Amino acid sequence: MGVSYQVAWNMLHRFRVAMVRTSREPLSGEVEVDETMIGGVEKGGKRGRGAKKEIVVIAVEIRHPKGFGRIRMRHVPDASADSLEPFVREMVAQGSIVCTDGWGSYNGLSNGYEHRQTILSSSSDPAHVVMPGVHQVASLLKRWLLGTHQGAYTIEHLQSYLEEFTFRFNRRTSRSRGHLFRRLLEQAVATQPVTEADILHGYHWNPDLLEQ
């Protein structure tokens, strides 16, 4: 395009902000929720909770008899209830079925949701069978970060990349790439101005990310 790297970088981050509609509908129906570790898990390590890696919580609508609907993702500082429960309540409509594993930080979801727990240690099925939606999305996310971006992202900007992946994934069945481009331009026009200062050290997507 004949522009410098810095100009292109600024343009892309502004588009990532525009990819998120403030009025987007929350997930509904049956929704899987679990976390994944970005950057990999050391061989022989535990699932990841408590490991020195970046934690991303993922919510996926489950379609029956098969298939997945929309997704939402958030980079969180830890796997505590203070980090995970607000994400679910913000992203998933009240009254929905929320499927999680036996991690205690999700216990409070019984208030407002039909909370279905599958404790992996007592299940004969592996994690990718019990929680197929989250694990498939997590695999695609990691592959995309390594393939498309060569893993070249900083922690301050991780949420921006998660929002880009979400925008792409939720429109994966669109038959017209031109329509997606048009929709992005429409959202860009409707988005409040974003300055370089707003994105330079990581866009403040929500108050929970301000201290990260």
N, C-alpha and C. Protein backbone atom coordinates (compact mmCIF):
# COMPACT_ATOMS: atom_id res chain seq x y z
N MET A 1 0.82 -1.21 0.00
CA MET A 1 0.00 0.00 0.00
C MET A 1 0.86 1.26 0.00
N GLY A 2 2.17 1.11 0.10
CA GLY A 2 3.03 2.27 0.06
C GLY A 2 3.07 3.06 1.35
N VAL A 3 2.74 2.43 2.47
CA VAL A 3 2.79 3.12 3.76
C VAL A 3 3.84 2.45 4.65
N SER A 4 4.27 3.17 5.68
CA SER A 4 5.27 2.62 6.58
C SER A 4 4.68 1.53 7.46
N TYR A 5 5.55 0.75 8.10
CA TYR A 5 5.10 -0.30 9.01
C TYR A 5 4.26 0.29 10.14
N GLN A 6 4.68 1.42 10.69
CA GLN A 6 3.97 2.03 11.80
C GLN A 6 2.56 2.45 11.42
N VAL A 7 2.41 3.00 10.20
CA VAL A 7 1.08 3.40 9.73
C VAL A 7 0.20 2.17 9.56
N ALA A 8 0.74 1.13 8.94
CA ALA A 8 -0.03 -0.11 8.73
C ALA A 8 -0.42 -0.72 10.07
N TRP A 9 0.50 -0.71 11.03
CA TRP A 9 0.24 -1.26 12.37
C TRP A 9 -0.91 -0.52 13.03
N ASN A 10 -0.88 0.80 12.94
CA ASN A 10 -1.95 1.62 13.52
C ASN A 10 -3.29 1.34 12.85
N MET A 11 -3.28 1.21 11.53
CA MET A 11 -4.52 0.94 10.80
C MET A 11 -5.13 -0.38 11.23
N LEU A 12 -4.30 -1.42 11.33
CA LEU A 12 -4.80 -2.74 11.69
C LEU A 12 -5.39 -2.75 13.09
N HIS A 13 -4.74 -2.08 14.02
CA HIS A 13 -5.27 -2.07 15.39
C HIS A 13 -6.57 -1.28 15.48
N ARG A 14 -6.71 -0.25 14.67
CA ARG A 14 -7.97 0.48 14.66
C ARG A 14 -9.09 -0.39 14.08
N PHE A 15 -8.76 -1.17 13.07
CA PHE A 15 -9.75 -2.08 12.50
C PHE A 15 -10.16 -3.14 13.52
N ARG A 16 -9.21 -3.60 14.33
CA ARG A 16 -9.54 -4.60 15.36
C ARG A 16 -10.51 -4.03 16.38
N VAL A 17 -10.36 -2.77 16.72
CA VAL A 17 -11.31 -2.13 17.62
C VAL A 17 -12.69 -2.09 16.97
N ALA A 18 -12.73 -1.78 15.67
CA ALA A 18 -14.00 -1.69 14.94
C ALA A 18 -14.67 -3.04 14.77
N MET A 19 -13.93 -4.13 14.93
CA MET A 19 -14.50 -5.46 14.77
C MET A 19 -15.45 -5.83 15.90
N VAL A 20 -15.45 -5.08 16.98
CA VAL A 20 -16.29 -5.39 18.14
C VAL A 20 -17.46 -4.43 18.20
N ARG A 21 -18.67 -4.96 18.03
CA ARG A 21 -19.87 -4.13 18.16
C ARG A 21 -20.28 -4.07 19.63
N THR A 22 -20.47 -2.88 20.13
CA THR A 22 -20.89 -2.73 21.52
C THR A 22 -22.28 -3.30 21.77
N SER A 23 -23.06 -3.41 20.70
CA SER A 23 -24.44 -3.91 20.84
C SER A 23 -24.57 -5.38 20.47
N ARG A 24 -23.46 -6.09 20.35
CA ARG A 24 -23.54 -7.49 19.93
C ARG A 24 -24.30 -8.31 20.96
N GLU A 25 -25.06 -9.27 20.45
CA GLU A 25 -25.90 -10.11 21.30
C GLU A 25 -25.04 -11.11 22.08
N PRO A 26 -25.38 -11.38 23.34
CA PRO A 26 -24.64 -12.38 24.11
C PRO A 26 -24.88 -13.78 23.56
N LEU A 27 -23.98 -14.68 23.87
CA LEU A 27 -24.15 -16.08 23.48
C LEU A 27 -25.35 -16.64 24.22
N SER A 28 -25.97 -17.68 23.66
CA SER A 28 -27.16 -18.25 24.28
C SER A 28 -27.26 -19.73 23.95
N GLY A 29 -28.28 -20.38 24.52
CA GLY A 29 -28.45 -21.81 24.29
C GLY A 29 -27.51 -22.60 25.18
N GLU A 30 -26.81 -23.56 24.60
CA GLU A 30 -25.81 -24.34 25.33
C GLU A 30 -24.44 -23.78 25.01
N VAL A 31 -23.69 -23.42 26.04
CA VAL A 31 -22.41 -22.75 25.85
C VAL A 31 -21.33 -23.45 26.67
N GLU A 32 -20.26 -23.87 26.01
CA GLU A 32 -19.10 -24.42 26.69
C GLU A 32 -18.18 -23.28 27.12
N VAL A 33 -17.61 -23.39 28.30
CA VAL A 33 -16.66 -22.38 28.78
C VAL A 33 -15.46 -23.09 29.40
N ASP A 34 -14.29 -22.69 28.99
CA ASP A 34 -13.06 -23.25 29.56
C ASP A 34 -11.91 -22.31 29.22
N GLU A 35 -10.75 -22.56 29.83
CA GLU A 35 -9.58 -21.74 29.54
C GLU A 35 -8.56 -22.52 28.73
N THR A 36 -7.68 -21.77 28.06
CA THR A 36 -6.55 -22.36 27.38
C THR A 36 -5.33 -21.50 27.69
N MET A 37 -4.15 -22.07 27.48
CA MET A 37 -2.92 -21.35 27.74
C MET A 37 -2.28 -20.95 26.42
N ILE A 38 -1.99 -19.67 26.28
CA ILE A 38 -1.34 -19.18 25.07
C ILE A 38 0.16 -19.16 25.31
N GLY A 39 0.89 -19.75 24.39
CA GLY A 39 2.34 -19.86 24.54
C GLY A 39 2.76 -21.28 24.83
N GLY A 40 1.79 -22.20 25.01
CA GLY A 40 2.10 -23.60 25.21
C GLY A 40 2.19 -23.98 26.67
N VAL A 41 2.09 -25.25 26.94
CA VAL A 41 2.20 -25.79 28.29
C VAL A 41 3.42 -26.69 28.34
N GLU A 42 4.24 -26.52 29.36
CA GLU A 42 5.44 -27.33 29.46
C GLU A 42 5.10 -28.82 29.49
N LYS A 43 5.95 -29.60 28.84
CA LYS A 43 5.73 -31.04 28.77
C LYS A 43 5.71 -31.63 30.17
N GLY A 44 4.68 -32.41 30.43
CA GLY A 44 4.56 -33.04 31.73
C GLY A 44 3.88 -32.17 32.76
N GLY A 45 3.50 -30.94 32.35
CA GLY A 45 2.87 -30.02 33.29
C GLY A 45 1.40 -30.32 33.45
N LYS A 46 0.76 -29.58 34.35
CA LYS A 46 -0.67 -29.75 34.57
C LYS A 46 -1.44 -29.05 33.47
N ARG A 47 -2.76 -29.00 33.59
CA ARG A 47 -3.63 -28.39 32.58
C ARG A 47 -3.19 -26.98 32.26
N GLY A 48 -2.61 -26.31 33.19
CA GLY A 48 -2.16 -24.96 32.90
C GLY A 48 -2.53 -23.97 33.98
N ARG A 49 -3.58 -24.19 34.74
CA ARG A 49 -3.97 -23.25 35.77
C ARG A 49 -2.83 -23.12 36.78
N GLY A 50 -2.31 -21.92 36.87
CA GLY A 50 -1.20 -21.71 37.78
C GLY A 50 0.14 -21.71 37.06
N ALA A 51 0.21 -22.23 35.83
CA ALA A 51 1.44 -22.22 35.07
C ALA A 51 1.74 -20.78 34.64
N LYS A 52 3.02 -20.49 34.37
CA LYS A 52 3.42 -19.13 34.01
C LYS A 52 3.17 -18.91 32.52
N LYS A 53 1.92 -18.90 32.11
CA LYS A 53 1.52 -18.67 30.73
C LYS A 53 0.35 -17.70 30.73
N GLU A 54 0.02 -17.19 29.55
CA GLU A 54 -1.12 -16.28 29.46
C GLU A 54 -2.41 -17.09 29.35
N ILE A 55 -3.41 -16.71 30.12
CA ILE A 55 -4.67 -17.45 30.17
C ILE A 55 -5.71 -16.75 29.32
N VAL A 56 -6.36 -17.52 28.46
CA VAL A 56 -7.46 -17.02 27.64
C VAL A 56 -8.68 -17.88 27.93
N VAL A 57 -9.78 -17.25 28.35
CA VAL A 57 -11.02 -17.98 28.60
C VAL A 57 -11.87 -17.90 27.34
N ILE A 58 -12.46 -19.03 26.98
CA ILE A 58 -13.20 -19.15 25.72
C ILE A 58 -14.61 -19.64 26.00
N ALA A 59 -15.59 -19.03 25.34
CA ALA A 59 -16.98 -19.49 25.41
C ALA A 59 -17.44 -19.80 23.99
N VAL A 60 -18.07 -20.96 23.81
CA VAL A 60 -18.48 -21.43 22.49
C VAL A 60 -19.93 -21.91 22.53
N GLU A 61 -20.77 -21.42 21.63
CA GLU A 61 -22.13 -21.94 21.50
C GLU A 61 -22.07 -23.32 20.85
N ILE A 62 -22.80 -24.28 21.42
CA ILE A 62 -22.83 -25.64 20.90
C ILE A 62 -24.14 -25.86 20.16
N ARG A 63 -24.04 -26.33 18.92
CA ARG A 63 -25.21 -26.64 18.11
C ARG A 63 -25.46 -28.14 18.12
N HIS A 64 -26.72 -28.53 18.06
CA HIS A 64 -27.08 -29.95 18.03
C HIS A 64 -27.85 -30.24 16.76
N PRO A 65 -27.56 -31.38 16.10
CA PRO A 65 -26.77 -32.51 16.59
C PRO A 65 -25.26 -32.31 16.53
N LYS A 66 -24.78 -31.34 15.74
CA LYS A 66 -23.34 -31.09 15.73
C LYS A 66 -23.08 -29.66 15.25
N GLY A 67 -21.86 -29.22 15.47
CA GLY A 67 -21.46 -27.90 15.01
C GLY A 67 -21.38 -26.88 16.13
N PHE A 68 -20.76 -25.75 15.82
CA PHE A 68 -20.57 -24.67 16.77
C PHE A 68 -21.16 -23.38 16.24
N GLY A 69 -21.60 -22.54 17.16
CA GLY A 69 -22.12 -21.23 16.79
C GLY A 69 -21.07 -20.16 16.97
N ARG A 70 -21.42 -19.10 17.70
CA ARG A 70 -20.50 -17.99 17.89
C ARG A 70 -19.57 -18.25 19.08
N ILE A 71 -18.52 -17.43 19.16
CA ILE A 71 -17.57 -17.55 20.26
C ILE A 71 -17.31 -16.17 20.88
N ARG A 72 -16.77 -16.19 22.08
CA ARG A 72 -16.24 -15.00 22.74
C ARG A 72 -14.96 -15.43 23.47
N MET A 73 -13.99 -14.51 23.56
CA MET A 73 -12.73 -14.84 24.23
C MET A 73 -12.24 -13.63 25.01
N ARG A 74 -11.51 -13.90 26.09
CA ARG A 74 -10.92 -12.82 26.87
C ARG A 74 -9.60 -13.27 27.50
N HIS A 75 -8.64 -12.40 27.43
CA HIS A 75 -7.37 -12.60 28.13
C HIS A 75 -7.57 -12.19 29.58
N VAL A 76 -7.35 -13.12 30.50
CA VAL A 76 -7.58 -12.85 31.92
C VAL A 76 -6.28 -13.03 32.70
N PRO A 77 -6.13 -12.33 33.83
CA PRO A 77 -4.89 -12.41 34.60
C PRO A 77 -4.70 -13.72 35.34
N ASP A 78 -5.82 -14.40 35.67
CA ASP A 78 -5.72 -15.66 36.41
C ASP A 78 -7.02 -16.44 36.22
N ALA A 79 -7.07 -17.62 36.81
CA ALA A 79 -8.25 -18.49 36.67
C ALA A 79 -9.12 -18.45 37.91
N SER A 80 -9.16 -17.30 38.57
CA SER A 80 -9.99 -17.16 39.77
C SER A 80 -11.43 -16.86 39.38
N ALA A 81 -12.34 -16.98 40.35
CA ALA A 81 -13.74 -16.66 40.10
C ALA A 81 -13.90 -15.19 39.74
N ASP A 82 -13.06 -14.32 40.29
CA ASP A 82 -13.14 -12.90 40.00
C ASP A 82 -12.83 -12.59 38.54
N SER A 83 -12.08 -13.46 37.89
CA SER A 83 -11.75 -13.27 36.47
C SER A 83 -12.71 -14.01 35.55
N LEU A 84 -13.10 -15.22 35.92
CA LEU A 84 -13.88 -16.07 35.02
C LEU A 84 -15.38 -15.81 35.07
N GLU A 85 -15.93 -15.64 36.27
CA GLU A 85 -17.38 -15.47 36.38
C GLU A 85 -17.88 -14.19 35.71
N PRO A 86 -17.21 -13.03 35.87
CA PRO A 86 -17.68 -11.83 35.17
C PRO A 86 -17.67 -11.98 33.66
N PHE A 87 -16.69 -12.71 33.13
CA PHE A 87 -16.64 -12.96 31.69
C PHE A 87 -17.89 -13.70 31.23
N VAL A 88 -18.26 -14.76 31.94
CA VAL A 88 -19.43 -15.55 31.57
C VAL A 88 -20.69 -14.70 31.66
N ARG A 89 -20.84 -13.96 32.74
CA ARG A 89 -22.06 -13.17 32.93
C ARG A 89 -22.18 -12.04 31.91
N GLU A 90 -21.05 -11.55 31.42
CA GLU A 90 -21.09 -10.51 30.40
C GLU A 90 -21.36 -11.08 29.01
N MET A 91 -20.82 -12.26 28.73
CA MET A 91 -20.86 -12.81 27.38
C MET A 91 -21.98 -13.80 27.12
N VAL A 92 -22.59 -14.36 28.16
CA VAL A 92 -23.60 -15.40 27.99
C VAL A 92 -24.93 -14.94 28.60
N ALA A 93 -25.99 -15.08 27.84
CA ALA A 93 -27.31 -14.63 28.28
C ALA A 93 -27.79 -15.43 29.49
N GLN A 94 -28.44 -14.76 30.40
CA GLN A 94 -29.02 -15.41 31.58
C GLN A 94 -30.00 -16.51 31.15
N GLY A 95 -30.01 -17.60 31.90
CA GLY A 95 -30.90 -18.71 31.59
C GLY A 95 -30.31 -19.73 30.64
N SER A 96 -29.14 -19.44 30.07
CA SER A 96 -28.49 -20.37 29.15
C SER A 96 -27.92 -21.56 29.91
N ILE A 97 -27.60 -22.62 29.18
CA ILE A 97 -26.92 -23.77 29.74
C ILE A 97 -25.42 -23.52 29.61
N VAL A 98 -24.71 -23.49 30.73
CA VAL A 98 -23.27 -23.27 30.71
C VAL A 98 -22.57 -24.55 31.14
N CYS A 99 -21.73 -25.08 30.26
CA CYS A 99 -21.02 -26.34 30.51
C CYS A 99 -19.57 -26.05 30.85
N THR A 100 -19.12 -26.50 32.01
CA THR A 100 -17.75 -26.31 32.44
C THR A 100 -17.20 -27.61 33.00
N ASP A 101 -15.90 -27.59 33.33
CA ASP A 101 -15.32 -28.73 34.01
C ASP A 101 -15.50 -28.54 35.52
N GLY A 102 -14.74 -29.23 36.32
CA GLY A 102 -14.94 -29.17 37.75
C GLY A 102 -14.19 -28.06 38.46
N TRP A 103 -13.65 -27.11 37.72
CA TRP A 103 -12.90 -26.02 38.34
C TRP A 103 -13.82 -25.17 39.21
N GLY A 104 -13.43 -24.96 40.47
CA GLY A 104 -14.29 -24.31 41.45
C GLY A 104 -14.64 -22.87 41.15
N SER A 105 -13.85 -22.20 40.33
CA SER A 105 -14.11 -20.79 40.02
C SER A 105 -15.42 -20.58 39.26
N TYR A 106 -15.97 -21.66 38.71
CA TYR A 106 -17.23 -21.56 37.98
C TYR A 106 -18.46 -21.89 38.84
N ASN A 107 -18.25 -22.23 40.09
CA ASN A 107 -19.37 -22.70 40.91
C ASN A 107 -20.48 -21.68 41.07
N GLY A 108 -20.14 -20.40 41.06
CA GLY A 108 -21.14 -19.36 41.24
C GLY A 108 -22.11 -19.22 40.08
N LEU A 109 -21.85 -19.90 38.98
CA LEU A 109 -22.71 -19.78 37.80
C LEU A 109 -24.06 -20.47 37.98
N SER A 110 -24.20 -21.25 39.03
CA SER A 110 -25.49 -21.89 39.29
C SER A 110 -26.58 -20.86 39.54
N ASN A 111 -26.17 -19.66 39.89
CA ASN A 111 -27.09 -18.55 40.10
C ASN A 111 -27.27 -17.80 38.78
N GLY A 112 -28.35 -18.11 38.09
CA GLY A 112 -28.64 -17.42 36.83
C GLY A 112 -28.49 -18.27 35.59
N TYR A 113 -27.85 -19.42 35.73
CA TYR A 113 -27.63 -20.31 34.59
C TYR A 113 -27.96 -21.76 34.98
N GLU A 114 -28.18 -22.59 33.98
CA GLU A 114 -28.21 -24.03 34.21
C GLU A 114 -26.78 -24.50 34.06
N HIS A 115 -26.12 -24.72 35.17
CA HIS A 115 -24.70 -25.01 35.16
C HIS A 115 -24.47 -26.52 35.16
N ARG A 116 -23.88 -27.02 34.06
CA ARG A 116 -23.58 -28.44 33.93
C ARG A 116 -22.07 -28.62 34.04
N GLN A 117 -21.65 -29.40 35.02
CA GLN A 117 -20.23 -29.64 35.25
C GLN A 117 -19.85 -31.07 34.88
N THR A 118 -18.70 -31.21 34.22
CA THR A 118 -18.13 -32.53 33.97
C THR A 118 -16.73 -32.52 34.56
N ILE A 119 -16.56 -33.23 35.65
CA ILE A 119 -15.25 -33.27 36.31
C ILE A 119 -14.36 -34.22 35.53
N LEU A 120 -13.33 -33.67 34.92
CA LEU A 120 -12.51 -34.46 33.99
C LEU A 120 -11.81 -35.63 34.66
N SER A 121 -11.40 -35.45 35.90
CA SER A 121 -10.68 -36.53 36.58
C SER A 121 -11.55 -37.75 36.80
N SER A 122 -12.87 -37.56 36.81
CA SER A 122 -13.77 -38.69 37.03
C SER A 122 -14.45 -39.12 35.74
N SER A 123 -14.09 -38.47 34.64
CA SER A 123 -14.69 -38.82 33.36
C SER A 123 -13.77 -39.75 32.58
N SER A 124 -14.36 -40.71 31.89
CA SER A 124 -13.56 -41.64 31.09
C SER A 124 -13.16 -41.03 29.75
N ASP A 125 -13.75 -39.88 29.40
CA ASP A 125 -13.45 -39.23 28.13
C ASP A 125 -12.34 -38.20 28.30
N PRO A 126 -11.46 -38.06 27.27
CA PRO A 126 -10.43 -37.02 27.33
C PRO A 126 -11.06 -35.64 27.21
N ALA A 127 -10.27 -34.60 27.54
CA ALA A 127 -10.79 -33.24 27.59
C ALA A 127 -11.37 -32.79 26.25
N HIS A 128 -10.74 -33.18 25.14
CA HIS A 128 -11.21 -32.71 23.84
C HIS A 128 -12.54 -33.36 23.44
N VAL A 129 -12.91 -34.45 24.12
CA VAL A 129 -14.21 -35.08 23.87
C VAL A 129 -15.28 -34.46 24.75
N VAL A 130 -14.93 -34.20 26.00
CA VAL A 130 -15.88 -33.62 26.94
C VAL A 130 -16.18 -32.16 26.59
N MET A 131 -15.16 -31.41 26.16
CA MET A 131 -15.31 -30.00 25.81
C MET A 131 -14.82 -29.77 24.39
N PRO A 132 -15.48 -30.34 23.39
CA PRO A 132 -14.97 -30.29 22.01
C PRO A 132 -14.94 -28.89 21.42
N GLY A 133 -15.92 -28.06 21.76
CA GLY A 133 -15.98 -26.72 21.18
C GLY A 133 -14.80 -25.87 21.58
N VAL A 134 -14.58 -25.77 22.88
CA VAL A 134 -13.48 -24.94 23.38
C VAL A 134 -12.14 -25.44 22.88
N HIS A 135 -11.93 -26.75 22.89
CA HIS A 135 -10.64 -27.28 22.50
C HIS A 135 -10.38 -27.11 21.00
N GLN A 136 -11.40 -27.19 20.19
CA GLN A 136 -11.20 -26.96 18.76
C GLN A 136 -10.90 -25.49 18.48
N VAL A 137 -11.65 -24.60 19.14
CA VAL A 137 -11.41 -23.17 18.96
C VAL A 137 -10.01 -22.80 19.45
N ALA A 138 -9.61 -23.34 20.60
CA ALA A 138 -8.28 -23.06 21.14
C ALA A 138 -7.20 -23.51 20.17
N SER A 139 -7.38 -24.68 19.57
CA SER A 139 -6.40 -25.20 18.61
C SER A 139 -6.32 -24.30 17.38
N LEU A 140 -7.46 -23.87 16.87
CA LEU A 140 -7.48 -22.98 15.70
C LEU A 140 -6.85 -21.63 16.03
N LEU A 141 -7.12 -21.12 17.24
CA LEU A 141 -6.55 -19.84 17.66
C LEU A 141 -5.02 -19.90 17.68
N LYS A 142 -4.47 -20.93 18.30
CA LYS A 142 -3.01 -21.05 18.40
C LYS A 142 -2.38 -21.22 17.03
N ARG A 143 -3.04 -21.99 16.17
CA ARG A 143 -2.53 -22.19 14.81
C ARG A 143 -2.54 -20.87 14.04
N TRP A 144 -3.61 -20.08 14.24
CA TRP A 144 -3.74 -18.79 13.56
C TRP A 144 -2.69 -17.80 14.04
N LEU A 145 -2.46 -17.76 15.36
CA LEU A 145 -1.46 -16.85 15.90
C LEU A 145 -0.06 -17.19 15.39
N LEU A 146 0.24 -18.47 15.29
CA LEU A 146 1.55 -18.88 14.82
C LEU A 146 1.69 -18.78 13.30
N GLY A 147 0.61 -19.13 12.59
CA GLY A 147 0.68 -19.12 11.14
C GLY A 147 0.54 -17.75 10.52
N THR A 148 -0.50 -17.02 10.91
CA THR A 148 -0.76 -15.71 10.32
C THR A 148 0.14 -14.63 10.90
N HIS A 149 0.36 -14.69 12.21
CA HIS A 149 1.13 -13.63 12.87
C HIS A 149 2.51 -14.09 13.33
N GLN A 150 2.88 -15.34 12.99
CA GLN A 150 4.17 -15.90 13.38
C GLN A 150 4.42 -15.76 14.89
N GLY A 151 3.34 -15.72 15.65
CA GLY A 151 3.47 -15.59 17.09
C GLY A 151 3.96 -14.23 17.53
N ALA A 152 3.99 -13.27 16.61
CA ALA A 152 4.56 -11.95 16.90
C ALA A 152 3.51 -11.00 17.47
N TYR A 153 3.11 -11.23 18.68
CA TYR A 153 2.19 -10.33 19.37
C TYR A 153 2.72 -10.13 20.79
N THR A 154 2.39 -9.00 21.37
CA THR A 154 2.79 -8.74 22.75
C THR A 154 1.59 -8.95 23.66
N ILE A 155 1.84 -9.16 24.93
CA ILE A 155 0.77 -9.42 25.88
C ILE A 155 -0.20 -8.25 25.93
N GLU A 156 0.32 -7.02 25.81
CA GLU A 156 -0.54 -5.84 25.87
C GLU A 156 -1.57 -5.82 24.74
N HIS A 157 -1.25 -6.46 23.64
CA HIS A 157 -2.13 -6.44 22.48
C HIS A 157 -2.85 -7.77 22.24
N LEU A 158 -2.68 -8.73 23.15
CA LEU A 158 -3.27 -10.05 22.95
C LEU A 158 -4.78 -9.98 22.78
N GLN A 159 -5.47 -9.17 23.60
CA GLN A 159 -6.93 -9.08 23.49
C GLN A 159 -7.35 -8.59 22.11
N SER A 160 -6.58 -7.70 21.53
CA SER A 160 -6.91 -7.19 20.19
C SER A 160 -6.88 -8.32 19.16
N TYR A 161 -5.90 -9.20 19.27
CA TYR A 161 -5.82 -10.33 18.35
C TYR A 161 -6.95 -11.33 18.61
N LEU A 162 -7.33 -11.48 19.87
CA LEU A 162 -8.46 -12.36 20.18
C LEU A 162 -9.74 -11.83 19.55
N GLU A 163 -9.92 -10.51 19.56
CA GLU A 163 -11.12 -9.92 18.96
C GLU A 163 -11.11 -10.09 17.44
N GLU A 164 -9.94 -10.00 16.83
CA GLU A 164 -9.86 -10.22 15.39
C GLU A 164 -10.22 -11.66 15.04
N PHE A 165 -9.68 -12.61 15.81
CA PHE A 165 -9.99 -14.01 15.56
C PHE A 165 -11.48 -14.27 15.75
N THR A 166 -12.07 -13.67 16.78
CA THR A 166 -13.50 -13.83 17.03
C THR A 166 -14.32 -13.30 15.87
N PHE A 167 -13.97 -12.14 15.36
CA PHE A 167 -14.67 -11.55 14.22
C PHE A 167 -14.62 -12.49 13.02
N ARG A 168 -13.46 -13.04 12.76
CA ARG A 168 -13.30 -13.94 11.61
C ARG A 168 -14.06 -15.25 11.82
N PHE A 169 -13.93 -15.82 13.02
CA PHE A 169 -14.57 -17.10 13.29
C PHE A 169 -16.09 -17.00 13.22
N ASN A 170 -16.65 -15.96 13.80
CA ASN A 170 -18.10 -15.82 13.83
C ASN A 170 -18.70 -15.55 12.46
N ARG A 171 -17.86 -15.24 11.49
CA ARG A 171 -18.34 -15.00 10.12
C ARG A 171 -17.73 -16.00 9.15
N ARG A 172 -17.31 -17.15 9.67
CA ARG A 172 -16.62 -18.16 8.87
C ARG A 172 -17.50 -18.77 7.79
N THR A 173 -18.82 -18.74 7.98
CA THR A 173 -19.71 -19.37 6.99
C THR A 173 -20.16 -18.40 5.91
N SER A 174 -19.72 -17.15 5.99
CA SER A 174 -20.11 -16.17 4.97
C SER A 174 -19.54 -16.57 3.61
N ARG A 175 -20.36 -16.49 2.59
CA ARG A 175 -19.93 -16.86 1.24
C ARG A 175 -19.34 -15.69 0.47
N SER A 176 -19.40 -14.52 1.06
CA SER A 176 -18.92 -13.32 0.38
C SER A 176 -17.89 -12.61 1.23
N ARG A 177 -16.62 -12.64 0.79
CA ARG A 177 -15.59 -11.91 1.50
C ARG A 177 -15.81 -10.41 1.38
N GLY A 178 -16.39 -9.99 0.24
CA GLY A 178 -16.67 -8.58 0.05
C GLY A 178 -17.68 -8.07 1.06
N HIS A 179 -18.66 -8.92 1.41
CA HIS A 179 -19.65 -8.53 2.40
C HIS A 179 -19.00 -8.32 3.76
N LEU A 180 -18.02 -9.17 4.12
CA LEU A 180 -17.32 -9.02 5.39
C LEU A 180 -16.55 -7.71 5.41
N PHE A 181 -15.91 -7.39 4.29
CA PHE A 181 -15.16 -6.14 4.22
C PHE A 181 -16.10 -4.94 4.37
N ARG A 182 -17.25 -5.03 3.72
CA ARG A 182 -18.23 -3.95 3.82
C ARG A 182 -18.72 -3.80 5.26
N ARG A 183 -18.99 -4.94 5.93
CA ARG A 183 -19.46 -4.88 7.31
C ARG A 183 -18.41 -4.26 8.22
N LEU A 184 -17.14 -4.58 7.97
CA LEU A 184 -16.07 -4.01 8.78
C LEU A 184 -16.00 -2.49 8.58
N LEU A 185 -16.15 -2.05 7.34
CA LEU A 185 -16.13 -0.62 7.07
C LEU A 185 -17.32 0.08 7.73
N GLU A 186 -18.48 -0.57 7.71
CA GLU A 186 -19.66 0.00 8.37
C GLU A 186 -19.42 0.16 9.87
N GLN A 187 -18.81 -0.86 10.48
CA GLN A 187 -18.54 -0.79 11.90
C GLN A 187 -17.46 0.24 12.20
N ALA A 188 -16.50 0.39 11.29
CA ALA A 188 -15.45 1.38 11.48
C ALA A 188 -16.03 2.80 11.50
N VAL A 189 -16.99 3.04 10.61
CA VAL A 189 -17.63 4.35 10.56
C VAL A 189 -18.40 4.64 11.84
N ALA A 190 -19.01 3.59 12.41
CA ALA A 190 -19.84 3.76 13.62
C ALA A 190 -19.02 3.76 14.90
N THR A 191 -17.72 3.45 14.81
CA THR A 191 -16.86 3.38 15.99
C THR A 191 -16.32 4.77 16.35
N GLN A 192 -16.26 5.06 17.63
CA GLN A 192 -15.69 6.32 18.08
C GLN A 192 -14.22 6.41 17.67
N PRO A 193 -13.71 7.64 17.44
CA PRO A 193 -12.31 7.80 17.03
C PRO A 193 -11.34 7.11 17.99
N VAL A 194 -10.33 6.46 17.42
CA VAL A 194 -9.30 5.78 18.19
C VAL A 194 -7.96 6.42 17.86
N THR A 195 -7.30 6.96 18.85
CA THR A 195 -6.02 7.63 18.63
C THR A 195 -4.87 6.64 18.76
N GLU A 196 -3.70 7.06 18.32
CA GLU A 196 -2.53 6.22 18.46
C GLU A 196 -2.23 5.96 19.93
N ALA A 197 -2.46 6.97 20.77
CA ALA A 197 -2.24 6.80 22.21
C ALA A 197 -3.15 5.73 22.80
N ASP A 198 -4.35 5.58 22.21
CA ASP A 198 -5.32 4.59 22.71
C ASP A 198 -4.83 3.17 22.51
N ILE A 199 -4.06 2.95 21.45
CA ILE A 199 -3.67 1.58 21.08
C ILE A 199 -2.20 1.28 21.27
N LEU A 200 -1.38 2.30 21.49
CA LEU A 200 0.07 2.11 21.52
C LEU A 200 0.51 1.08 22.53
N HIS A 201 -0.04 1.14 23.73
CA HIS A 201 0.36 0.22 24.80
C HIS A 201 -0.73 -0.79 25.14
N GLY A 202 -1.63 -1.01 24.19
CA GLY A 202 -2.71 -1.96 24.39
C GLY A 202 -4.04 -1.26 24.62
N TYR A 203 -4.99 -1.52 23.75
CA TYR A 203 -6.30 -0.89 23.86
C TYR A 203 -7.01 -1.39 25.11
N HIS A 204 -7.65 -0.49 25.84
CA HIS A 204 -8.35 -0.86 27.07
C HIS A 204 -9.75 -1.39 26.74
N TRP A 205 -9.82 -2.68 26.47
CA TRP A 205 -11.09 -3.29 26.05
C TRP A 205 -12.10 -3.31 27.18
N ASN A 206 -11.66 -3.51 28.40
CA ASN A 206 -12.58 -3.53 29.54
C ASN A 206 -11.78 -3.22 30.80
N PRO A 207 -12.44 -2.79 31.87
CA PRO A 207 -11.73 -2.40 33.09
C PRO A 207 -10.85 -3.48 33.67
N ASP A 208 -11.20 -4.77 33.45
CA ASP A 208 -10.41 -5.86 34.03
C ASP A 208 -9.01 -5.93 33.43
N LEU A 209 -8.82 -5.32 32.24
CA LEU A 209 -7.54 -5.41 31.56
C LEU A 209 -6.65 -4.21 31.84
N LEU A 210 -7.16 -3.20 32.55
CA LEU A 210 -6.41 -1.96 32.72
C LEU A 210 -5.10 -2.18 33.46
N GLU A 211 -5.06 -3.13 34.39
CA GLU A 211 -3.87 -3.30 35.20
C GLU A 211 -2.93 -4.35 34.64
N GLN A 212 -3.26 -4.93 33.49
CA GLN A 212 -2.40 -5.99 32.94
C GLN A 212 -1.26 -5.41 32.12
